[in-house]
Amino acid sequence: IAAPFVSCDDREATELAVAHLVALGHRRIGLITGPDRFVPVQRRV
């Protein structure tokens, strides 16, 4: 699609969130997000 797209870096977001929890000593860290047909969800996973 020949148009501008503006997005938050969803992959970076979940990586930062996991790193934060790991720094606090957590290892079993679950992910809760929406249906996997959505591009932002795929990136977060």
All heavy atoms as atom14 arrays in JSON, in Angstrom:
{
  "sequence": "IAAPFVSCDDREATELAVAHLVALGHRRIGLITGPDRFVPVQRRV",
  "atom14_mask": [
    [1, 1, 1, 1, 1, 1, 1, 1, 0, 0, 0, 0, 0, 0],
    [1, 1, 1, 1, 1, 0, 0, 0, 0, 0, 0, 0, 0, 0],
    [1, 1, 1, 1, 1, 0, 0, 0, 0, 0, 0, 0, 0, 0],
    [1, 1, 1, 1, 1, 1, 1, 0, 0, 0, 0, 0, 0, 0],
    [1, 1, 1, 1, 1, 1, 1, 1, 1, 1, 1, 0, 0, 0],
    [1, 1, 1, 1, 1, 1, 1, 0, 0, 0, 0, 0, 0, 0],
    [1, 1, 1, 1, 1, 1, 0, 0, 0, 0, 0, 0, 0, 0],
    [1, 1, 1, 1, 1, 1, 0, 0, 0, 0, 0, 0, 0, 0],
    [1, 1, 1, 1, 1, 1, 1, 1, 0, 0, 0, 0, 0, 0],
    [1, 1, 1, 1, 1, 1, 1, 1, 0, 0, 0, 0, 0, 0],
    [1, 1, 1, 1, 1, 1, 1, 1, 1, 1, 1, 0, 0, 0],
    [1, 1, 1, 1, 1, 1, 1, 1, 1, 0, 0, 0, 0, 0],
    [1, 1, 1, 1, 1, 0, 0, 0, 0, 0, 0, 0, 0, 0],
    [1, 1, 1, 1, 1, 1, 1, 0, 0, 0, 0, 0, 0, 0],
    [1, 1, 1, 1, 1, 1, 1, 1, 1, 0, 0, 0, 0, 0],
    [1, 1, 1, 1, 1, 1, 1, 1, 0, 0, 0, 0, 0, 0],
    [1, 1, 1, 1, 1, 0, 0, 0, 0, 0, 0, 0, 0, 0],
    [1, 1, 1, 1, 1, 1, 1, 0, 0, 0, 0, 0, 0, 0],
    [1, 1, 1, 1, 1, 0, 0, 0, 0, 0, 0, 0, 0, 0],
    [1, 1, 1, 1, 1, 1, 1, 1, 1, 1, 0, 0, 0, 0],
    [1, 1, 1, 1, 1, 1, 1, 1, 0, 0, 0, 0, 0, 0],
    [1, 1, 1, 1, 1, 1, 1, 0, 0, 0, 0, 0, 0, 0],
    [1, 1, 1, 1, 1, 0, 0, 0, 0, 0, 0, 0, 0, 0],
    [1, 1, 1, 1, 1, 1, 1, 1, 0, 0, 0, 0, 0, 0],
    [1, 1, 1, 1, 0, 0, 0, 0, 0, 0, 0, 0, 0, 0],
    [1, 1, 1, 1, 1, 1, 1, 1, 1, 1, 0, 0, 0, 0],
    [1, 1, 1, 1, 1, 1, 1, 1, 1, 1, 1, 0, 0, 0],
    [1, 1, 1, 1, 1, 1, 1, 1, 1, 1, 1, 0, 0, 0],
    [1, 1, 1, 1, 1, 1, 1, 1, 0, 0, 0, 0, 0, 0],
    [1, 1, 1, 1, 0, 0, 0, 0, 0, 0, 0, 0, 0, 0],
    [1, 1, 1, 1, 1, 1, 1, 1, 0, 0, 0, 0, 0, 0],
    [1, 1, 1, 1, 1, 1, 1, 1, 0, 0, 0, 0, 0, 0],
    [1, 1, 1, 1, 1, 1, 1, 0, 0, 0, 0, 0, 0, 0],
    [1, 1, 1, 1, 0, 0, 0, 0, 0, 0, 0, 0, 0, 0],
    [1, 1, 1, 1, 1, 1, 1, 0, 0, 0, 0, 0, 0, 0],
    [1, 1, 1, 1, 1, 1, 1, 1, 0, 0, 0, 0, 0, 0],
    [1, 1, 1, 1, 1, 1, 1, 1, 1, 1, 1, 0, 0, 0],
    [1, 1, 1, 1, 1, 1, 1, 1, 1, 1, 1, 0, 0, 0],
    [1, 1, 1, 1, 1, 1, 1, 0, 0, 0, 0, 0, 0, 0],
    [1, 1, 1, 1, 1, 1, 1, 0, 0, 0, 0, 0, 0, 0],
    [1, 1, 1, 1, 1, 1, 1, 0, 0, 0, 0, 0, 0, 0],
    [1, 1, 1, 1, 1, 1, 1, 1, 1, 0, 0, 0, 0, 0],
    [1, 1, 1, 1, 1, 1, 1, 1, 1, 1, 1, 0, 0, 0],
    [1, 1, 1, 1, 1, 1, 1, 1, 1, 1, 1, 0, 0, 0],
    [1, 1, 1, 1, 1, 1, 1, 0, 0, 0, 0, 0, 0, 0]
  ],
  "atom14_positions": [
    [[0.86, -1.18, 0.0], [0.0, 0.0, 0.0], [0.89, 1.23, 0.0], [1.69, 1.44, 0.93], [-0.94, 0.02, 1.22], [-1.88, -1.19, 1.18], [-1.75, 1.31, 1.25], [-2.8, -1.27, 2.36], [0.0, 0.0, 0.0], [0.0, 0.0, 0.0], [0.0, 0.0, 0.0], [0.0, 0.0, 0.0], [0.0, 0.0, 0.0], [0.0, 0.0, 0.0]],
    [[0.77, 2.06, -1.03], [1.65, 3.22, -1.2], [1.16, 4.39, -0.35], [0.6, 5.37, -0.84], [1.7, 3.62, -2.68], [0.0, 0.0, 0.0], [0.0, 0.0, 0.0], [0.0, 0.0, 0.0], [0.0, 0.0, 0.0], [0.0, 0.0, 0.0], [0.0, 0.0, 0.0], [0.0, 0.0, 0.0], [0.0, 0.0, 0.0], [0.0, 0.0, 0.0]],
    [[1.37, 4.26, 0.96], [0.92, 5.29, 1.89], [1.86, 5.3, 3.09], [2.55, 4.31, 3.36], [-0.51, 5.02, 2.34], [0.0, 0.0, 0.0], [0.0, 0.0, 0.0], [0.0, 0.0, 0.0], [0.0, 0.0, 0.0], [0.0, 0.0, 0.0], [0.0, 0.0, 0.0], [0.0, 0.0, 0.0], [0.0, 0.0, 0.0], [0.0, 0.0, 0.0]],
    [[1.89, 6.4, 3.85], [2.69, 6.44, 5.08], [2.03, 5.63, 6.19], [0.8, 5.67, 6.35], [2.73, 7.93, 5.43], [2.28, 8.66, 4.2], [1.34, 7.73, 3.51], [0.0, 0.0, 0.0], [0.0, 0.0, 0.0], [0.0, 0.0, 0.0], [0.0, 0.0, 0.0], [0.0, 0.0, 0.0], [0.0, 0.0, 0.0], [0.0, 0.0, 0.0]],
    [[2.83, 4.92, 6.96], [2.37, 4.18, 8.13], [3.13, 4.69, 9.34], [4.34, 4.91, 9.28], [2.63, 2.68, 7.98], [1.78, 2.0, 6.94], [2.12, 2.05, 5.6], [0.63, 1.31, 7.3], [1.35, 1.43, 4.63], [-0.15, 0.68, 6.34], [0.2, 0.74, 5.01], [0.0, 0.0, 0.0], [0.0, 0.0, 0.0], [0.0, 0.0, 0.0]],
    [[2.41, 4.86, 10.46], [3.02, 5.32, 11.71], [2.67, 4.31, 12.79], [1.49, 4.04, 13.05], [2.5, 6.72, 12.1], [3.05, 7.12, 13.46], [2.86, 7.75, 11.04], [0.0, 0.0, 0.0], [0.0, 0.0, 0.0], [0.0, 0.0, 0.0], [0.0, 0.0, 0.0], [0.0, 0.0, 0.0], [0.0, 0.0, 0.0], [0.0, 0.0, 0.0]],
    [[3.68, 3.71, 13.41], [3.44, 2.65, 14.39], [4.34, 2.81, 15.6], [5.44, 3.34, 15.51], [3.7, 1.26, 13.78], [2.88, 1.02, 12.67], [0.0, 0.0, 0.0], [0.0, 0.0, 0.0], [0.0, 0.0, 0.0], [0.0, 0.0, 0.0], [0.0, 0.0, 0.0], [0.0, 0.0, 0.0], [0.0, 0.0, 0.0], [0.0, 0.0, 0.0]],
    [[3.85, 2.31, 16.73], [4.71, 2.12, 17.89], [5.44, 0.8, 17.68], [4.87, -0.16, 17.13], [3.88, 2.08, 19.17], [4.89, 2.02, 20.68], [0.0, 0.0, 0.0], [0.0, 0.0, 0.0], [0.0, 0.0, 0.0], [0.0, 0.0, 0.0], [0.0, 0.0, 0.0], [0.0, 0.0, 0.0], [0.0, 0.0, 0.0], [0.0, 0.0, 0.0]],
    [[6.69, 0.71, 18.1], [7.48, -0.51, 17.91], [7.02, -1.56, 18.92], [7.54, -1.65, 20.03], [8.98, -0.2, 18.07], [9.86, -1.34, 17.59], [9.39, -2.49, 17.57], [11.01, -1.09, 17.22], [0.0, 0.0, 0.0], [0.0, 0.0, 0.0], [0.0, 0.0, 0.0], [0.0, 0.0, 0.0], [0.0, 0.0, 0.0], [0.0, 0.0, 0.0]],
    [[6.04, -2.36, 18.51], [5.44, -3.34, 19.42], [6.42, -4.42, 19.85], [6.38, -4.9, 20.98], [4.22, -3.98, 18.75], [3.12, -2.98, 18.48], [2.49, -2.52, 19.44], [2.91, -2.63, 17.31], [0.0, 0.0, 0.0], [0.0, 0.0, 0.0], [0.0, 0.0, 0.0], [0.0, 0.0, 0.0], [0.0, 0.0, 0.0], [0.0, 0.0, 0.0]],
    [[7.28, -4.83, 18.94], [8.28, -5.84, 19.3], [9.21, -5.31, 20.39], [9.49, -6.0, 21.38], [9.07, -6.27, 18.06], [10.14, -7.3, 18.36], [10.94, -7.72, 17.14], [11.97, -8.67, 17.52], [12.04, -9.92, 17.09], [11.13, -10.39, 16.25], [13.03, -10.72, 17.49], [0.0, 0.0, 0.0], [0.0, 0.0, 0.0], [0.0, 0.0, 0.0]],
    [[9.69, -4.11, 20.2], [10.56, -3.48, 21.2], [9.85, -3.34, 22.54], [10.46, -3.51, 23.6], [11.02, -2.12, 20.69], [11.9, -1.35, 21.66], [13.33, -1.88, 21.74], [13.66, -2.82, 20.99], [14.1, -1.34, 22.55], [0.0, 0.0, 0.0], [0.0, 0.0, 0.0], [0.0, 0.0, 0.0], [0.0, 0.0, 0.0], [0.0, 0.0, 0.0]],
    [[8.55, -3.06, 22.5], [7.8, -2.86, 23.73], [7.79, -4.12, 24.6], [8.05, -4.07, 25.81], [6.36, -2.45, 23.4], [0.0, 0.0, 0.0], [0.0, 0.0, 0.0], [0.0, 0.0, 0.0], [0.0, 0.0, 0.0], [0.0, 0.0, 0.0], [0.0, 0.0, 0.0], [0.0, 0.0, 0.0], [0.0, 0.0, 0.0], [0.0, 0.0, 0.0]],
    [[7.48, -5.26, 23.99], [7.43, -6.49, 24.79], [8.83, -6.92, 25.21], [9.01, -7.49, 26.3], [6.73, -7.62, 24.03], [7.22, -7.69, 22.69], [5.23, -7.4, 24.0], [0.0, 0.0, 0.0], [0.0, 0.0, 0.0], [0.0, 0.0, 0.0], [0.0, 0.0, 0.0], [0.0, 0.0, 0.0], [0.0, 0.0, 0.0], [0.0, 0.0, 0.0]],
    [[9.84, -6.64, 24.4], [11.21, -6.97, 24.8], [11.6, -6.15, 26.03], [12.2, -6.69, 26.98], [12.18, -6.72, 23.65], [12.06, -7.71, 22.51], [13.24, -7.63, 21.56], [14.39, -7.48, 22.03], [13.02, -7.72, 20.34], [0.0, 0.0, 0.0], [0.0, 0.0, 0.0], [0.0, 0.0, 0.0], [0.0, 0.0, 0.0], [0.0, 0.0, 0.0]],
    [[11.27, -4.87, 26.05], [11.58, -4.03, 27.2], [10.81, -4.48, 28.43], [11.35, -4.48, 29.55], [11.26, -2.57, 26.88], [12.22, -1.85, 25.94], [11.65, -0.49, 25.56], [13.59, -1.71, 26.57], [0.0, 0.0, 0.0], [0.0, 0.0, 0.0], [0.0, 0.0, 0.0], [0.0, 0.0, 0.0], [0.0, 0.0, 0.0], [0.0, 0.0, 0.0]],
    [[9.54, -4.87, 28.26], [8.74, -5.31, 29.39], [9.31, -6.59, 30.0], [9.41, -6.73, 31.23], [7.29, -5.54, 28.94], [0.0, 0.0, 0.0], [0.0, 0.0, 0.0], [0.0, 0.0, 0.0], [0.0, 0.0, 0.0], [0.0, 0.0, 0.0], [0.0, 0.0, 0.0], [0.0, 0.0, 0.0], [0.0, 0.0, 0.0], [0.0, 0.0, 0.0]],
    [[9.69, -7.54, 29.16], [10.29, -8.78, 29.66], [11.6, -8.48, 30.37], [11.87, -9.02, 31.46], [10.5, -9.78, 28.51], [11.36, -10.96, 28.97], [9.16, -10.29, 27.99], [0.0, 0.0, 0.0], [0.0, 0.0, 0.0], [0.0, 0.0, 0.0], [0.0, 0.0, 0.0], [0.0, 0.0, 0.0], [0.0, 0.0, 0.0], [0.0, 0.0, 0.0]],
    [[12.45, -7.63, 29.78], [13.73, -7.29, 30.39], [13.53, -6.67, 31.77], [14.3, -6.95, 32.71], [14.51, -6.34, 29.49], [0.0, 0.0, 0.0], [0.0, 0.0, 0.0], [0.0, 0.0, 0.0], [0.0, 0.0, 0.0], [0.0, 0.0, 0.0], [0.0, 0.0, 0.0], [0.0, 0.0, 0.0], [0.0, 0.0, 0.0], [0.0, 0.0, 0.0]],
    [[12.52, -5.85, 31.91], [12.21, -5.24, 33.21], [11.85, -6.3, 34.24], [12.37, -6.29, 35.37], [11.06, -4.25, 33.03], [10.5, -3.73, 34.32], [11.24, -3.02, 35.24], [9.24, -3.83, 34.86], [10.49, -2.7, 36.27], [9.27, -3.18, 36.07], [0.0, 0.0, 0.0], [0.0, 0.0, 0.0], [0.0, 0.0, 0.0], [0.0, 0.0, 0.0]],
    [[11.0, -7.25, 33.88], [10.59, -8.28, 34.82], [11.73, -9.24, 35.14], [11.88, -9.68, 36.29], [9.39, -9.05, 34.25], [8.09, -8.23, 34.14], [6.99, -9.04, 33.47], [7.64, -7.74, 35.51], [0.0, 0.0, 0.0], [0.0, 0.0, 0.0], [0.0, 0.0, 0.0], [0.0, 0.0, 0.0], [0.0, 0.0, 0.0], [0.0, 0.0, 0.0]],
    [[12.55, -9.56, 34.15], [13.72, -10.41, 34.41], [14.67, -9.73, 35.38], [15.24, -10.37, 36.28], [14.43, -10.75, 33.09], [15.8, -11.4, 33.36], [13.57, -11.7, 32.25], [0.0, 0.0, 0.0], [0.0, 0.0, 0.0], [0.0, 0.0, 0.0], [0.0, 0.0, 0.0], [0.0, 0.0, 0.0], [0.0, 0.0, 0.0], [0.0, 0.0, 0.0]],
    [[14.84, -8.42, 35.23], [15.71, -7.67, 36.15], [15.2, -7.72, 37.58], [15.97, -7.59, 38.52], [15.82, -6.22, 35.69], [0.0, 0.0, 0.0], [0.0, 0.0, 0.0], [0.0, 0.0, 0.0], [0.0, 0.0, 0.0], [0.0, 0.0, 0.0], [0.0, 0.0, 0.0], [0.0, 0.0, 0.0], [0.0, 0.0, 0.0], [0.0, 0.0, 0.0]],
    [[13.91, -7.94, 37.74], [13.31, -8.04, 39.08], [13.32, -9.47, 39.61], [12.8, -9.73, 40.7], [11.87, -7.51, 39.03], [11.73, -6.01, 38.74], [10.26, -5.63, 38.57], [12.37, -5.18, 39.85], [0.0, 0.0, 0.0], [0.0, 0.0, 0.0], [0.0, 0.0, 0.0], [0.0, 0.0, 0.0], [0.0, 0.0, 0.0], [0.0, 0.0, 0.0]],
    [[13.9, -10.4, 38.83], [14.01, -11.77, 39.31], [12.95, -12.72, 38.79], [12.94, -13.89, 39.17], [0.0, 0.0, 0.0], [0.0, 0.0, 0.0], [0.0, 0.0, 0.0], [0.0, 0.0, 0.0], [0.0, 0.0, 0.0], [0.0, 0.0, 0.0], [0.0, 0.0, 0.0], [0.0, 0.0, 0.0], [0.0, 0.0, 0.0], [0.0, 0.0, 0.0]],
    [[12.06, -12.26, 37.91], [11.02, -13.13, 37.36], [11.57, -13.95, 36.2], [12.4, -13.46, 35.42], [9.82, -12.3, 36.89], [9.16, -11.52, 37.99], [8.19, -12.06, 38.79], [9.35, -10.25, 38.41], [7.8, -11.14, 39.68], [8.49, -10.03, 39.47], [0.0, 0.0, 0.0], [0.0, 0.0, 0.0], [0.0, 0.0, 0.0], [0.0, 0.0, 0.0]],
    [[11.1, -15.19, 36.08], [11.49, -16.03, 34.96], [10.27, -16.58, 34.23], [10.26, -16.63, 33.01], [12.4, -17.19, 35.42], [13.79, -16.75, 35.87], [14.57, -16.09, 34.75], [15.88, -15.61, 35.2], [16.11, -14.39, 35.65], [15.1, -13.52, 35.73], [17.32, -14.02, 36.04], [0.0, 0.0, 0.0], [0.0, 0.0, 0.0], [0.0, 0.0, 0.0]],
    [[9.27, -17.01, 34.96], [8.04, -17.49, 34.32], [7.15, -16.28, 34.06], [6.36, -15.85, 34.91], [7.32, -18.54, 35.17], [8.08, -19.85, 35.25], [7.26, -20.96, 35.91], [6.07, -21.32, 35.14], [6.07, -22.13, 34.07], [7.22, -22.63, 33.62], [4.95, -22.42, 33.45], [0.0, 0.0, 0.0], [0.0, 0.0, 0.0], [0.0, 0.0, 0.0]],
    [[7.32, -15.7, 32.88], [6.65, -14.45, 32.51], [5.67, -14.75, 31.38], [6.07, -15.17, 30.3], [7.68, -13.4, 32.05], [8.68, -13.12, 33.18], [6.98, -12.12, 31.6], [9.9, -12.32, 32.73], [0.0, 0.0, 0.0], [0.0, 0.0, 0.0], [0.0, 0.0, 0.0], [0.0, 0.0, 0.0], [0.0, 0.0, 0.0], [0.0, 0.0, 0.0]],
    [[4.4, -14.56, 31.65], [3.37, -14.84, 30.66], [3.06, -13.64, 29.8], [3.33, -12.49, 30.18], [0.0, 0.0, 0.0], [0.0, 0.0, 0.0], [0.0, 0.0, 0.0], [0.0, 0.0, 0.0], [0.0, 0.0, 0.0], [0.0, 0.0, 0.0], [0.0, 0.0, 0.0], [0.0, 0.0, 0.0], [0.0, 0.0, 0.0], [0.0, 0.0, 0.0]],
    [[2.5, -13.91, 28.62], [2.09, -12.86, 27.7], [0.58, -12.96, 27.47], [0.06, -14.04, 27.18], [2.8, -13.01, 26.35], [2.34, -12.05, 25.24], [2.76, -10.62, 25.56], [2.89, -12.48, 23.89], [0.0, 0.0, 0.0], [0.0, 0.0, 0.0], [0.0, 0.0, 0.0], [0.0, 0.0, 0.0], [0.0, 0.0, 0.0], [0.0, 0.0, 0.0]],
    [[-0.1, -11.84, 27.6], [-1.53, -11.75, 27.31], [-1.72, -10.68, 26.25], [-1.37, -9.51, 26.45], [-2.34, -11.38, 28.57], [-2.15, -12.42, 29.67], [-3.82, -11.23, 28.23], [-2.8, -12.01, 31.0], [0.0, 0.0, 0.0], [0.0, 0.0, 0.0], [0.0, 0.0, 0.0], [0.0, 0.0, 0.0], [0.0, 0.0, 0.0], [0.0, 0.0, 0.0]],
    [[-2.27, -11.06, 25.12], [-2.52, -10.08, 24.07], [-3.67, -10.55, 23.2], [-4.3, -11.57, 23.49], [-1.24, -9.81, 23.25], [-1.46, -8.7, 22.39], [-0.82, -11.02, 22.46], [0.0, 0.0, 0.0], [0.0, 0.0, 0.0], [0.0, 0.0, 0.0], [0.0, 0.0, 0.0], [0.0, 0.0, 0.0], [0.0, 0.0, 0.0], [0.0, 0.0, 0.0]],
    [[-3.97, -9.8, 22.14], [-5.16, -10.05, 21.34], [-4.98, -11.13, 20.29], [-3.97, -11.85, 20.27], [0.0, 0.0, 0.0], [0.0, 0.0, 0.0], [0.0, 0.0, 0.0], [0.0, 0.0, 0.0], [0.0, 0.0, 0.0], [0.0, 0.0, 0.0], [0.0, 0.0, 0.0], [0.0, 0.0, 0.0], [0.0, 0.0, 0.0], [0.0, 0.0, 0.0]],
    [[-5.95, -11.29, 19.4], [-5.91, -12.3, 18.34], [-4.7, -12.13, 17.44], [-4.29, -11.01, 17.14], [-7.22, -12.08, 17.57], [-8.12, -11.39, 18.56], [-7.23, -10.53, 19.39], [0.0, 0.0, 0.0], [0.0, 0.0, 0.0], [0.0, 0.0, 0.0], [0.0, 0.0, 0.0], [0.0, 0.0, 0.0], [0.0, 0.0, 0.0], [0.0, 0.0, 0.0]],
    [[-4.14, -13.26, 16.99], [-2.87, -13.19, 16.26], [-3.02, -12.78, 14.81], [-2.02, -12.71, 14.09], [-2.13, -14.53, 16.34], [-2.89, -15.66, 15.68], [-4.03, -15.42, 15.19], [-2.37, -16.79, 15.65], [0.0, 0.0, 0.0], [0.0, 0.0, 0.0], [0.0, 0.0, 0.0], [0.0, 0.0, 0.0], [0.0, 0.0, 0.0], [0.0, 0.0, 0.0]],
    [[-4.22, -12.45, 14.36], [-4.35, -11.98, 12.98], [-3.96, -10.51, 12.85], [-3.82, -10.0, 11.74], [-5.78, -12.19, 12.48], [-6.83, -11.29, 13.1], [-8.2, -11.53, 12.46], [-9.17, -10.54, 12.81], [-9.98, -10.62, 13.86], [-9.91, -11.67, 14.67], [-10.87, -9.67, 14.11], [0.0, 0.0, 0.0], [0.0, 0.0, 0.0], [0.0, 0.0, 0.0]],
    [[-3.78, -9.84, 13.97], [-3.42, -8.42, 13.94], [-1.9, -8.25, 13.94], [-1.19, -8.9, 14.72], [-4.03, -7.68, 15.13], [-5.53, -7.65, 15.12], [-6.27, -8.39, 16.03], [-6.21, -6.89, 14.18], [-7.64, -8.37, 16.02], [-7.6, -6.87, 14.14], [-8.31, -7.62, 15.06], [0.0, 0.0, 0.0], [0.0, 0.0, 0.0], [0.0, 0.0, 0.0]],
    [[-1.42, -7.36, 13.07], [0.02, -7.15, 12.94], [0.67, -6.73, 14.26], [1.72, -7.28, 14.63], [0.3, -6.1, 11.84], [1.78, -5.71, 11.82], [-0.12, -6.64, 10.48], [0.0, 0.0, 0.0], [0.0, 0.0, 0.0], [0.0, 0.0, 0.0], [0.0, 0.0, 0.0], [0.0, 0.0, 0.0], [0.0, 0.0, 0.0], [0.0, 0.0, 0.0]],
    [[0.12, -5.77, 15.02], [0.75, -5.42, 16.29], [0.87, -6.61, 17.24], [1.86, -6.73, 17.97], [-0.18, -4.34, 16.86], [-0.81, -3.73, 15.66], [-1.03, -4.87, 14.73], [0.0, 0.0, 0.0], [0.0, 0.0, 0.0], [0.0, 0.0, 0.0], [0.0, 0.0, 0.0], [0.0, 0.0, 0.0], [0.0, 0.0, 0.0], [0.0, 0.0, 0.0]],
    [[-0.13, -7.49, 17.24], [-0.08, -8.67, 18.1], [1.05, -9.6, 17.67], [1.81, -10.11, 18.5], [-1.43, -9.41, 18.08], [-1.3, -10.78, 18.78], [-2.51, -8.57, 18.76], [0.0, 0.0, 0.0], [0.0, 0.0, 0.0], [0.0, 0.0, 0.0], [0.0, 0.0, 0.0], [0.0, 0.0, 0.0], [0.0, 0.0, 0.0], [0.0, 0.0, 0.0]],
    [[1.17, -9.83, 16.39], [2.24, -10.68, 15.88], [3.61, -10.15, 16.3], [4.5, -10.91, 16.67], [2.14, -10.79, 14.36], [0.88, -11.49, 13.87], [0.72, -11.41, 12.36], [1.55, -10.82, 11.66], [-0.35, -11.99, 11.85], [0.0, 0.0, 0.0], [0.0, 0.0, 0.0], [0.0, 0.0, 0.0], [0.0, 0.0, 0.0], [0.0, 0.0, 0.0]],
    [[3.76, -8.85, 16.26], [5.04, -8.25, 16.64], [5.28, -8.36, 18.14], [6.41, -8.58, 18.59], [5.06, -6.79, 16.2], [5.11, -6.63, 14.67], [4.99, -5.18, 14.26], [5.23, -5.01, 12.83], [5.16, -3.86, 12.19], [4.85, -2.75, 12.86], [5.39, -3.79, 10.89], [0.0, 0.0, 0.0], [0.0, 0.0, 0.0], [0.0, 0.0, 0.0]],
    [[4.24, -8.21, 18.94], [4.4, -8.33, 20.39], [4.79, -9.76, 20.77], [5.63, -9.97, 21.64], [3.11, -7.91, 21.1], [2.85, -6.43, 21.03], [1.48, -6.07, 21.53], [1.11, -4.72, 21.09], [-0.09, -4.2, 21.19], [-1.09, -4.93, 21.7], [-0.34, -2.99, 20.75], [0.0, 0.0, 0.0], [0.0, 0.0, 0.0], [0.0, 0.0, 0.0]],
    [[4.15, -10.73, 20.14], [4.48, -12.12, 20.42], [5.94, -12.39, 20.05], [6.68, -13.04, 20.8], [3.54, -13.07, 19.65], [4.02, -14.52, 19.78], [2.11, -12.95, 20.17], [0.0, 0.0, 0.0], [0.0, 0.0, 0.0], [0.0, 0.0, 0.0], [0.0, 0.0, 0.0], [0.0, 0.0, 0.0], [0.0, 0.0, 0.0], [0.0, 0.0, 0.0]]
  ]
}
